[in-house]
Amino acid sequence: IQWKNGDTTNGQRVAGGNGAGNGLHRLNGPTDVLIDKETDSLIICDRGNGLVVQWSRRSGTTQGEILIDKIACWGLAMDEQRYLYVSDHGNDEVRRYQLGEKNGTLVTG
């Protein structure tokens, strides 16, 4: 849910909202989210589905796009060069990804 500053009663759904599940139109146990300002999208750890997904914040978006699969993601960060850092709870590691890259580089773990 997205809330406008100062408006505590009118939220807008921007990702998921169809109940827990495994389709790209659903999330299952999201653990973290960050805003990618360059693409005006949300990047979400969908731990229950083992994915990192990207959802556009533009109205009319009905599903996410898989960025990384087969990962027990827990947390996200993005640096100034737009590298995505993902903590993988299942492998006890942190990997760095360029957007579009599937394997990433081991940072620690």
N, C-alpha and C. Protein backbone atom coordinates (compact mmCIF):
# COMPACT_ATOMS: atom_id res chain seq x y z
N ILE A 1 0.85 -1.18 0.00
CA ILE A 1 0.00 0.00 0.00
C ILE A 1 0.89 1.23 0.00
N GLN A 2 0.55 2.18 -0.83
CA GLN A 2 1.26 3.46 -0.87
C GLN A 2 0.39 4.51 -0.21
N TRP A 3 0.98 5.29 0.67
CA TRP A 3 0.27 6.36 1.36
C TRP A 3 0.88 7.69 0.96
N LYS A 4 0.06 8.66 0.64
CA LYS A 4 0.54 10.01 0.37
C LYS A 4 0.83 10.69 1.69
N ASN A 5 1.88 11.50 1.74
CA ASN A 5 2.26 12.21 2.95
C ASN A 5 1.09 13.04 3.48
N GLY A 6 0.73 12.81 4.74
CA GLY A 6 -0.35 13.55 5.38
C GLY A 6 -1.72 12.94 5.22
N ASP A 7 -1.89 11.99 4.31
CA ASP A 7 -3.19 11.34 4.10
C ASP A 7 -3.16 9.98 4.78
N THR A 8 -3.84 9.86 5.92
CA THR A 8 -3.79 8.62 6.69
C THR A 8 -4.98 7.71 6.44
N THR A 9 -5.85 8.06 5.50
CA THR A 9 -7.05 7.26 5.27
C THR A 9 -7.16 6.67 3.87
N ASN A 10 -6.44 7.18 2.90
CA ASN A 10 -6.60 6.74 1.52
C ASN A 10 -5.31 6.15 0.96
N GLY A 11 -5.12 4.86 1.15
CA GLY A 11 -3.96 4.18 0.58
C GLY A 11 -4.27 3.65 -0.80
N GLN A 12 -3.24 3.39 -1.58
CA GLN A 12 -3.39 2.84 -2.92
C GLN A 12 -2.53 1.59 -3.02
N ARG A 13 -3.12 0.49 -3.47
CA ARG A 13 -2.36 -0.75 -3.66
C ARG A 13 -1.43 -0.58 -4.85
N VAL A 14 -0.16 -0.91 -4.66
CA VAL A 14 0.81 -0.77 -5.74
C VAL A 14 1.48 -2.10 -6.11
N ALA A 15 1.27 -3.16 -5.33
CA ALA A 15 1.82 -4.48 -5.66
C ALA A 15 1.04 -5.53 -4.89
N GLY A 16 0.85 -6.69 -5.50
CA GLY A 16 0.13 -7.78 -4.84
C GLY A 16 -1.33 -7.43 -4.65
N GLY A 17 -1.87 -7.84 -3.50
CA GLY A 17 -3.25 -7.51 -3.18
C GLY A 17 -4.26 -8.55 -3.58
N ASN A 18 -3.82 -9.65 -4.16
CA ASN A 18 -4.72 -10.71 -4.58
C ASN A 18 -4.63 -11.92 -3.66
N GLY A 19 -4.15 -11.70 -2.45
CA GLY A 19 -3.94 -12.79 -1.51
C GLY A 19 -2.59 -13.45 -1.77
N ALA A 20 -2.11 -14.20 -0.80
CA ALA A 20 -0.83 -14.89 -0.96
C ALA A 20 -0.94 -15.93 -2.06
N GLY A 21 0.11 -16.07 -2.83
CA GLY A 21 0.10 -17.07 -3.89
C GLY A 21 1.38 -17.02 -4.69
N ASN A 22 1.45 -17.86 -5.74
CA ASN A 22 2.69 -17.97 -6.49
C ASN A 22 2.63 -17.43 -7.90
N GLY A 23 1.57 -16.74 -8.28
CA GLY A 23 1.54 -16.10 -9.59
C GLY A 23 2.26 -14.76 -9.55
N LEU A 24 2.63 -14.23 -10.71
CA LEU A 24 3.32 -12.94 -10.75
C LEU A 24 2.41 -11.79 -10.35
N HIS A 25 1.11 -12.04 -10.24
CA HIS A 25 0.19 -11.01 -9.78
C HIS A 25 0.00 -11.08 -8.26
N ARG A 26 0.75 -11.95 -7.60
CA ARG A 26 0.64 -12.13 -6.15
C ARG A 26 2.01 -12.07 -5.50
N LEU A 27 2.00 -11.81 -4.19
CA LEU A 27 3.19 -11.89 -3.37
C LEU A 27 2.93 -12.92 -2.28
N ASN A 28 3.98 -13.51 -1.75
CA ASN A 28 3.83 -14.51 -0.70
C ASN A 28 4.95 -14.30 0.33
N GLY A 29 4.65 -13.57 1.37
CA GLY A 29 5.64 -13.32 2.41
C GLY A 29 6.70 -12.31 2.02
N PRO A 30 6.30 -11.14 1.50
CA PRO A 30 7.32 -10.14 1.18
C PRO A 30 8.05 -9.68 2.44
N THR A 31 9.38 -9.57 2.36
CA THR A 31 10.16 -9.20 3.54
C THR A 31 10.83 -7.84 3.43
N ASP A 32 10.98 -7.30 2.23
CA ASP A 32 11.62 -5.99 2.08
C ASP A 32 11.20 -5.39 0.75
N VAL A 33 11.29 -4.06 0.67
CA VAL A 33 10.95 -3.35 -0.56
C VAL A 33 11.82 -2.10 -0.65
N LEU A 34 12.20 -1.75 -1.87
CA LEU A 34 12.88 -0.47 -2.08
C LEU A 34 12.30 0.17 -3.34
N ILE A 35 12.47 1.48 -3.44
CA ILE A 35 11.98 2.23 -4.60
C ILE A 35 13.15 2.49 -5.53
N ASP A 36 13.00 2.09 -6.79
CA ASP A 36 13.97 2.41 -7.83
C ASP A 36 13.45 3.67 -8.51
N LYS A 37 13.99 4.81 -8.14
CA LYS A 37 13.49 6.09 -8.65
C LYS A 37 13.71 6.24 -10.14
N GLU A 38 14.77 5.64 -10.66
CA GLU A 38 15.07 5.77 -12.09
C GLU A 38 13.99 5.14 -12.96
N THR A 39 13.44 4.01 -12.52
CA THR A 39 12.40 3.32 -13.29
C THR A 39 11.01 3.51 -12.70
N ASP A 40 10.90 4.28 -11.62
CA ASP A 40 9.64 4.48 -10.90
C ASP A 40 8.97 3.13 -10.62
N SER A 41 9.73 2.25 -9.98
CA SER A 41 9.21 0.92 -9.67
C SER A 41 9.63 0.51 -8.27
N LEU A 42 8.97 -0.52 -7.78
CA LEU A 42 9.30 -1.14 -6.50
C LEU A 42 10.07 -2.42 -6.77
N ILE A 43 11.10 -2.67 -6.00
CA ILE A 43 11.81 -3.95 -6.04
C ILE A 43 11.52 -4.63 -4.71
N ILE A 44 10.98 -5.84 -4.77
CA ILE A 44 10.41 -6.51 -3.60
C ILE A 44 11.04 -7.88 -3.40
N CYS A 45 11.44 -8.17 -2.16
CA CYS A 45 11.82 -9.54 -1.76
C CYS A 45 10.53 -10.31 -1.55
N ASP A 46 10.25 -11.25 -2.40
CA ASP A 46 9.07 -12.11 -2.27
C ASP A 46 9.57 -13.47 -1.77
N ARG A 47 9.86 -13.52 -0.47
CA ARG A 47 10.54 -14.68 0.10
C ARG A 47 9.75 -15.97 -0.05
N GLY A 48 8.44 -15.91 0.13
CA GLY A 48 7.62 -17.11 0.03
C GLY A 48 7.67 -17.76 -1.34
N ASN A 49 7.92 -16.98 -2.37
CA ASN A 49 8.04 -17.51 -3.73
C ASN A 49 9.49 -17.65 -4.18
N GLY A 50 10.44 -17.25 -3.32
CA GLY A 50 11.86 -17.37 -3.67
C GLY A 50 12.27 -16.45 -4.81
N LEU A 51 11.72 -15.22 -4.81
CA LEU A 51 11.96 -14.30 -5.92
C LEU A 51 12.32 -12.91 -5.44
N VAL A 52 12.99 -12.17 -6.30
CA VAL A 52 13.06 -10.72 -6.21
C VAL A 52 12.31 -10.23 -7.44
N VAL A 53 11.27 -9.43 -7.22
CA VAL A 53 10.42 -8.97 -8.32
C VAL A 53 10.41 -7.46 -8.39
N GLN A 54 10.10 -6.96 -9.58
CA GLN A 54 10.00 -5.52 -9.80
C GLN A 54 8.57 -5.21 -10.24
N TRP A 55 7.96 -4.23 -9.57
CA TRP A 55 6.60 -3.79 -9.90
C TRP A 55 6.66 -2.32 -10.27
N SER A 56 6.13 -1.98 -11.42
CA SER A 56 6.03 -0.57 -11.81
C SER A 56 5.04 0.12 -10.89
N ARG A 57 5.32 1.38 -10.55
CA ARG A 57 4.39 2.14 -9.72
C ARG A 57 3.35 2.87 -10.56
N ARG A 58 3.41 2.72 -11.86
CA ARG A 58 2.43 3.36 -12.74
C ARG A 58 1.08 2.67 -12.57
N SER A 59 0.01 3.42 -12.67
CA SER A 59 -1.31 2.83 -12.48
C SER A 59 -1.59 1.82 -13.58
N GLY A 60 -2.35 0.81 -13.23
CA GLY A 60 -2.70 -0.22 -14.19
C GLY A 60 -1.78 -1.43 -14.16
N THR A 61 -0.70 -1.37 -13.40
CA THR A 61 0.20 -2.52 -13.29
C THR A 61 -0.50 -3.64 -12.54
N THR A 62 -0.51 -4.83 -13.11
CA THR A 62 -1.23 -5.95 -12.48
C THR A 62 -0.32 -7.10 -12.09
N GLN A 63 0.96 -7.05 -12.46
CA GLN A 63 1.86 -8.12 -12.05
C GLN A 63 3.30 -7.64 -12.05
N GLY A 64 4.13 -8.40 -11.33
CA GLY A 64 5.54 -8.07 -11.25
C GLY A 64 6.34 -8.77 -12.33
N GLU A 65 7.60 -8.39 -12.41
CA GLU A 65 8.56 -9.01 -13.33
C GLU A 65 9.67 -9.62 -12.48
N ILE A 66 10.04 -10.86 -12.77
CA ILE A 66 11.08 -11.54 -12.00
C ILE A 66 12.45 -10.96 -12.35
N LEU A 67 13.17 -10.50 -11.32
CA LEU A 67 14.55 -10.06 -11.49
C LEU A 67 15.52 -11.18 -11.12
N ILE A 68 15.24 -11.87 -10.00
CA ILE A 68 16.09 -12.95 -9.51
C ILE A 68 15.18 -14.06 -9.00
N ASP A 69 15.48 -15.31 -9.34
CA ASP A 69 14.67 -16.42 -8.84
C ASP A 69 15.53 -17.37 -8.01
N LYS A 70 14.88 -18.31 -7.38
CA LYS A 70 15.53 -19.33 -6.54
C LYS A 70 16.41 -18.70 -5.47
N ILE A 71 15.83 -17.77 -4.70
CA ILE A 71 16.57 -17.08 -3.65
C ILE A 71 15.66 -16.90 -2.43
N ALA A 72 16.19 -17.16 -1.25
CA ALA A 72 15.45 -16.93 0.00
C ALA A 72 15.78 -15.51 0.47
N CYS A 73 15.35 -14.54 -0.34
CA CYS A 73 15.72 -13.15 -0.06
C CYS A 73 15.11 -12.66 1.25
N TRP A 74 15.86 -11.80 1.90
CA TRP A 74 15.41 -11.23 3.17
C TRP A 74 15.47 -9.71 3.17
N GLY A 75 16.51 -9.16 2.54
CA GLY A 75 16.67 -7.71 2.53
C GLY A 75 17.27 -7.22 1.23
N LEU A 76 17.06 -5.92 0.96
CA LEU A 76 17.51 -5.29 -0.28
C LEU A 76 18.18 -3.96 0.00
N ALA A 77 19.12 -3.59 -0.85
CA ALA A 77 19.69 -2.24 -0.84
C ALA A 77 20.16 -1.95 -2.26
N MET A 78 20.21 -0.66 -2.61
CA MET A 78 20.72 -0.26 -3.92
C MET A 78 21.70 0.88 -3.71
N ASP A 79 22.86 0.80 -4.39
CA ASP A 79 23.85 1.87 -4.24
C ASP A 79 23.70 2.91 -5.36
N GLU A 80 24.57 3.91 -5.34
CA GLU A 80 24.49 5.02 -6.29
C GLU A 80 24.71 4.58 -7.73
N GLN A 81 25.44 3.48 -7.93
CA GLN A 81 25.67 2.96 -9.28
C GLN A 81 24.55 2.01 -9.73
N ARG A 82 23.51 1.89 -8.92
CA ARG A 82 22.33 1.07 -9.19
C ARG A 82 22.64 -0.43 -9.13
N TYR A 83 23.66 -0.81 -8.35
CA TYR A 83 23.85 -2.22 -8.04
C TYR A 83 22.85 -2.59 -6.96
N LEU A 84 22.24 -3.75 -7.11
CA LEU A 84 21.26 -4.25 -6.16
C LEU A 84 21.96 -5.27 -5.25
N TYR A 85 21.85 -5.08 -3.95
CA TYR A 85 22.41 -5.99 -2.95
C TYR A 85 21.25 -6.76 -2.32
N VAL A 86 21.37 -8.08 -2.32
CA VAL A 86 20.29 -8.93 -1.82
C VAL A 86 20.86 -9.89 -0.79
N SER A 87 20.25 -9.90 0.41
CA SER A 87 20.65 -10.90 1.40
C SER A 87 19.84 -12.16 1.16
N ASP A 88 20.54 -13.29 1.14
CA ASP A 88 19.94 -14.60 0.88
C ASP A 88 19.98 -15.39 2.18
N HIS A 89 18.84 -15.47 2.84
CA HIS A 89 18.71 -16.15 4.13
C HIS A 89 19.03 -17.64 4.00
N GLY A 90 18.65 -18.25 2.90
CA GLY A 90 18.85 -19.68 2.71
C GLY A 90 20.31 -20.08 2.55
N ASN A 91 21.11 -19.20 1.95
CA ASN A 91 22.54 -19.50 1.74
C ASN A 91 23.45 -18.69 2.65
N ASP A 92 22.86 -17.90 3.56
CA ASP A 92 23.64 -17.08 4.50
C ASP A 92 24.69 -16.25 3.78
N GLU A 93 24.24 -15.48 2.78
CA GLU A 93 25.15 -14.66 2.01
C GLU A 93 24.47 -13.40 1.50
N VAL A 94 25.30 -12.47 1.06
CA VAL A 94 24.83 -11.26 0.39
C VAL A 94 25.47 -11.25 -0.99
N ARG A 95 24.65 -11.00 -2.02
CA ARG A 95 25.15 -10.93 -3.40
C ARG A 95 24.84 -9.55 -3.98
N ARG A 96 25.70 -9.14 -4.90
CA ARG A 96 25.51 -7.87 -5.61
C ARG A 96 25.14 -8.19 -7.06
N TYR A 97 24.10 -7.53 -7.55
CA TYR A 97 23.60 -7.76 -8.90
C TYR A 97 23.55 -6.45 -9.68
N GLN A 98 23.89 -6.51 -10.97
CA GLN A 98 23.51 -5.45 -11.87
C GLN A 98 22.10 -5.80 -12.29
N LEU A 99 21.22 -4.82 -12.42
CA LEU A 99 19.85 -5.12 -12.83
C LEU A 99 19.89 -5.86 -14.16
N GLY A 100 19.17 -6.97 -14.22
CA GLY A 100 19.15 -7.82 -15.38
C GLY A 100 20.05 -9.04 -15.26
N GLU A 101 20.96 -9.02 -14.29
CA GLU A 101 21.88 -10.12 -14.05
C GLU A 101 21.21 -11.15 -13.14
N LYS A 102 21.41 -12.43 -13.41
CA LYS A 102 20.72 -13.48 -12.63
C LYS A 102 21.57 -14.10 -11.53
N ASN A 103 22.90 -14.13 -11.65
CA ASN A 103 23.73 -14.83 -10.67
C ASN A 103 24.31 -13.92 -9.61
N GLY A 104 24.72 -12.76 -9.95
CA GLY A 104 25.29 -11.85 -8.97
C GLY A 104 26.69 -12.25 -8.54
N THR A 105 27.31 -11.36 -7.78
CA THR A 105 28.66 -11.56 -7.26
C THR A 105 28.58 -11.67 -5.75
N LEU A 106 29.21 -12.69 -5.19
CA LEU A 106 29.21 -12.87 -3.74
C LEU A 106 29.95 -11.71 -3.08
N VAL A 107 29.28 -11.07 -2.12
CA VAL A 107 29.88 -9.97 -1.36
C VAL A 107 30.39 -10.49 -0.03
N THR A 108 29.56 -11.26 0.66
CA THR A 108 29.95 -11.85 1.94
C THR A 108 29.08 -13.08 2.21
N GLY A 109 29.62 -14.01 2.96
CA GLY A 109 28.85 -15.20 3.34
C GLY A 109 29.58 -16.47 3.04
